[in-house]
C-alpha atoms as a PDB file:
ATOM      1  CA  UNK A   1     -21.132  46.470 -17.392  1.00  0.00           C
ATOM      2  CA  UNK A   2     -20.348  48.095 -14.037  1.00  0.00           C
ATOM      3  CA  UNK A   3     -17.037  49.444 -15.357  1.00  0.00           C
ATOM      4  CA  UNK A   4     -18.841  50.949 -18.320  1.00  0.00           C
ATOM      5  CA  UNK A   5     -21.376  52.630 -16.033  1.00  0.00           C
ATOM      6  CA  UNK A   6     -18.568  54.084 -13.910  1.00  0.00           C
ATOM      7  CA  UNK A   7     -16.802  55.333 -17.034  1.00  0.00           C
ATOM      8  CA  UNK A   8     -20.054  56.766 -18.370  1.00  0.00           C
ATOM      9  CA  UNK A   9     -20.799  58.553 -15.086  1.00  0.00           C
ATOM     10  CA  UNK A  10     -17.277  60.018 -14.995  1.00  0.00           C
ATOM     11  CA  UNK A  11     -17.602  61.181 -18.599  1.00  0.00           C
ATOM     12  CA  UNK A  12     -20.942  62.815 -17.904  1.00  0.00           C
ATOM     13  CA  UNK A  13     -19.560  64.422 -14.745  1.00  0.00           C
ATOM     14  CA  UNK A  14     -16.603  65.828 -16.694  1.00  0.00           C
ATOM     15  CA  UNK A  15     -18.929  67.360 -19.251  1.00  0.00           C
ATOM     16  CA  UNK A  16     -20.911  69.208 -16.568  1.00  0.00           C
ATOM     17  CA  UNK A  17     -17.892  71.011 -15.133  1.00  0.00           C
ATOM     18  CA  UNK A  18     -15.136  72.957 -16.811  1.00  0.00           C
ATOM     19  CA  UNK A  19     -11.494  72.093 -16.098  1.00  0.00           C
ATOM     20  CA  UNK A  20     -11.168  75.481 -14.403  1.00  0.00           C
ATOM     21  CA  UNK A  21     -14.022  74.677 -11.993  1.00  0.00           C
ATOM     22  CA  UNK A  22     -12.507  71.282 -11.211  1.00  0.00           C
ATOM     23  CA  UNK A  23      -9.099  72.856 -10.592  1.00  0.00           C
ATOM     24  CA  UNK A  24     -10.626  75.480  -8.286  1.00  0.00           C
ATOM     25  CA  UNK A  25     -12.529  72.794  -6.359  1.00  0.00           C
ATOM     26  CA  UNK A  26      -9.343  70.753  -5.941  1.00  0.00           C
ATOM     27  CA  UNK A  27      -7.648  73.912  -4.655  1.00  0.00           C
ATOM     28  CA  UNK A  28     -10.399  74.419  -2.085  1.00  0.00           C
ATOM     29  CA  UNK A  29     -10.216  70.760  -1.033  1.00  0.00           C
ATOM     30  CA  UNK A  30      -6.429  71.056  -0.654  1.00  0.00           C
ATOM     31  CA  UNK A  31      -6.628  74.251   1.411  1.00  0.00           C
ATOM     32  CA  UNK A  32      -5.203  73.864   4.934  1.00  0.00           C
ATOM     33  CA  UNK A  33      -8.313  75.546   6.300  1.00  0.00           C
ATOM     34  CA  UNK A  34     -10.408  72.535   5.255  1.00  0.00           C
ATOM     35  CA  UNK A  35      -7.902  69.737   5.878  1.00  0.00           C
ATOM     36  CA  UNK A  36      -7.940  67.253   8.735  1.00  0.00           C
ATOM     37  CA  UNK A  37     -11.577  66.874   9.602  1.00  0.00           C
ATOM     38  CA  UNK A  38     -13.303  69.862   8.049  1.00  0.00           C
ATOM     39  CA  UNK A  39     -14.604  67.998   5.021  1.00  0.00           C
ATOM     40  CA  UNK A  40     -18.093  69.480   5.481  1.00  0.00           C
ATOM     41  CA  UNK A  41     -16.740  73.012   5.216  1.00  0.00           C
ATOM     42  CA  UNK A  42     -14.812  72.148   2.073  1.00  0.00           C
ATOM     43  CA  UNK A  43     -17.856  70.503   0.476  1.00  0.00           C
ATOM     44  CA  UNK A  44     -20.024  73.531   1.282  1.00  0.00           C
ATOM     45  CA  UNK A  45     -17.466  75.903  -0.249  1.00  0.00           C
ATOM     46  CA  UNK A  46     -17.176  73.737  -3.369  1.00  0.00           C
ATOM     47  CA  UNK A  47     -20.948  73.401  -3.701  1.00  0.00           C
ATOM     48  CA  UNK A  48     -21.261  77.211  -3.561  1.00  0.00           C
ATOM     49  CA  UNK A  49     -19.232  77.318  -6.777  1.00  0.00           C
ATOM     50  CA  UNK A  50     -21.383  74.813  -8.631  1.00  0.00           C
ATOM     51  CA  UNK A  51     -23.907  72.280  -7.389  1.00  0.00           C
ATOM     52  CA  UNK A  52     -22.659  68.680  -7.595  1.00  0.00           C
ATOM     53  CA  UNK A  53     -19.002  69.609  -8.112  1.00  0.00           C
ATOM     54  CA  UNK A  54     -17.925  67.873  -4.896  1.00  0.00           C
ATOM     55  CA  UNK A  55     -19.180  64.584  -6.378  1.00  0.00           C
ATOM     56  CA  UNK A  56     -16.780  64.789  -9.323  1.00  0.00           C
ATOM     57  CA  UNK A  57     -14.353  61.810  -9.135  1.00  0.00           C
ATOM     58  CA  UNK A  58     -11.180  63.926  -8.984  1.00  0.00           C
ATOM     59  CA  UNK A  59     -12.590  66.356  -6.432  1.00  0.00           C
ATOM     60  CA  UNK A  60     -13.999  63.639  -4.169  1.00  0.00           C
ATOM     61  CA  UNK A  61     -10.665  61.780  -4.265  1.00  0.00           C
ATOM     62  CA  UNK A  62      -8.823  64.903  -3.085  1.00  0.00           C
ATOM     63  CA  UNK A  63     -11.422  65.491  -0.360  1.00  0.00           C
ATOM     64  CA  UNK A  64     -10.973  61.939   0.919  1.00  0.00           C
ATOM     65  CA  UNK A  65      -7.175  62.141   0.804  1.00  0.00           C
ATOM     66  CA  UNK A  66      -7.067  65.457   2.667  1.00  0.00           C
ATOM     67  CA  UNK A  67      -9.347  64.257   5.437  1.00  0.00           C
ATOM     68  CA  UNK A  68      -7.774  60.878   6.141  1.00  0.00           C
ATOM     69  CA  UNK A  69      -6.542  60.371   9.651  1.00  0.00           C
ATOM     70  CA  UNK A  70      -2.891  61.190  10.212  1.00  0.00           C
ATOM     71  CA  UNK A  71      -3.092  59.835  13.768  1.00  0.00           C
ATOM     72  CA  UNK A  72      -2.924  56.211  12.672  1.00  0.00           C
ATOM     73  CA  UNK A  73      -0.082  56.977  10.283  1.00  0.00           C
ATOM     74  CA  UNK A  74       1.921  58.774  12.971  1.00  0.00           C
ATOM     75  CA  UNK A  75       1.315  55.952  15.445  1.00  0.00           C
ATOM     76  CA  UNK A  76       2.450  53.313  12.952  1.00  0.00           C
ATOM     77  CA  UNK A  77       5.611  55.290  12.158  1.00  0.00           C
ATOM     78  CA  UNK A  78       6.372  55.668  15.855  1.00  0.00           C
ATOM     79  CA  UNK A  79       5.782  51.965  16.462  1.00  0.00           C
ATOM     80  CA  UNK A  80       7.993  51.002  13.527  1.00  0.00           C
ATOM     81  CA  UNK A  81      10.782  53.205  14.834  1.00  0.00           C
ATOM     82  CA  UNK A  82      10.621  51.746  18.325  1.00  0.00           C
ATOM     83  CA  UNK A  83       9.869  48.159  17.414  1.00  0.00           C
ATOM     84  CA  UNK A  84      12.710  45.759  18.240  1.00  0.00           C
ATOM     85  CA  UNK A  85      11.724  43.530  15.318  1.00  0.00           C
ATOM     86  CA  UNK A  86      12.824  46.270  12.954  1.00  0.00           C
ATOM     87  CA  UNK A  87      16.477  46.030  13.840  1.00  0.00           C
ATOM     88  CA  UNK A  88      17.409  45.874  10.174  1.00  0.00           C
ATOM     89  CA  UNK A  89      16.980  49.627   9.697  1.00  0.00           C
ATOM     90  CA  UNK A  90      19.768  51.937  10.693  1.00  0.00           C
ATOM     91  CA  UNK A  91      19.725  54.229  13.715  1.00  0.00           C
ATOM     92  CA  UNK A  92      19.563  57.218  11.383  1.00  0.00           C
ATOM     93  CA  UNK A  93      16.425  55.851   9.669  1.00  0.00           C
ATOM     94  CA  UNK A  94      14.854  55.053  13.030  1.00  0.00           C
ATOM     95  CA  UNK A  95      15.494  58.609  14.243  1.00  0.00           C
ATOM     96  CA  UNK A  96      14.023  59.964  11.007  1.00  0.00           C
ATOM     97  CA  UNK A  97      10.847  57.916  11.516  1.00  0.00           C
ATOM     98  CA  UNK A  98      10.542  59.217  15.074  1.00  0.00           C
ATOM     99  CA  UNK A  99      10.974  62.820  13.868  1.00  0.00           C
ATOM    100  CA  UNK A 100       8.280  62.360  11.216  1.00  0.00           C
ATOM    101  CA  UNK A 101       5.895  60.901  13.797  1.00  0.00           C
ATOM    102  CA  UNK A 102       6.572  63.834  16.134  1.00  0.00           C
ATOM    103  CA  UNK A 103       5.999  66.352  13.330  1.00  0.00           C
ATOM    104  CA  UNK A 104       2.687  64.697  12.444  1.00  0.00           C
ATOM    105  CA  UNK A 105       1.621  64.747  16.092  1.00  0.00           C
ATOM    106  CA  UNK A 106       2.578  68.435  16.352  1.00  0.00           C
ATOM    107  CA  UNK A 107       0.698  69.236  13.120  1.00  0.00           C
ATOM    108  CA  UNK A 108      -2.371  67.451  14.483  1.00  0.00           C
ATOM    109  CA  UNK A 109      -2.369  69.660  17.571  1.00  0.00           C
ATOM    110  CA  UNK A 110      -2.313  72.849  15.479  1.00  0.00           C
END
């Protein structure tokens, strides 16, 4: 019954908004200006377009994905690259992981 309710809510939500509005909201949510911690600003901009649009399943998924912490991901990549237990990966792969972690850290600072 719960699955049906979720499906029903998604269907109703899709009927309230046009595909163009959903696409525009996803574009706003994906904008660099609103990424990495400015979820409130993105929601406000989306809600200016049409009330309740930020609650649409596709839009809310993009908002969550854009605002997830990259710090933990960068730290785990750095740890994997330096960890002695991960000797099975090549030096080239280890250097690549370190570069990715450094790029994420640099992006976080900007």
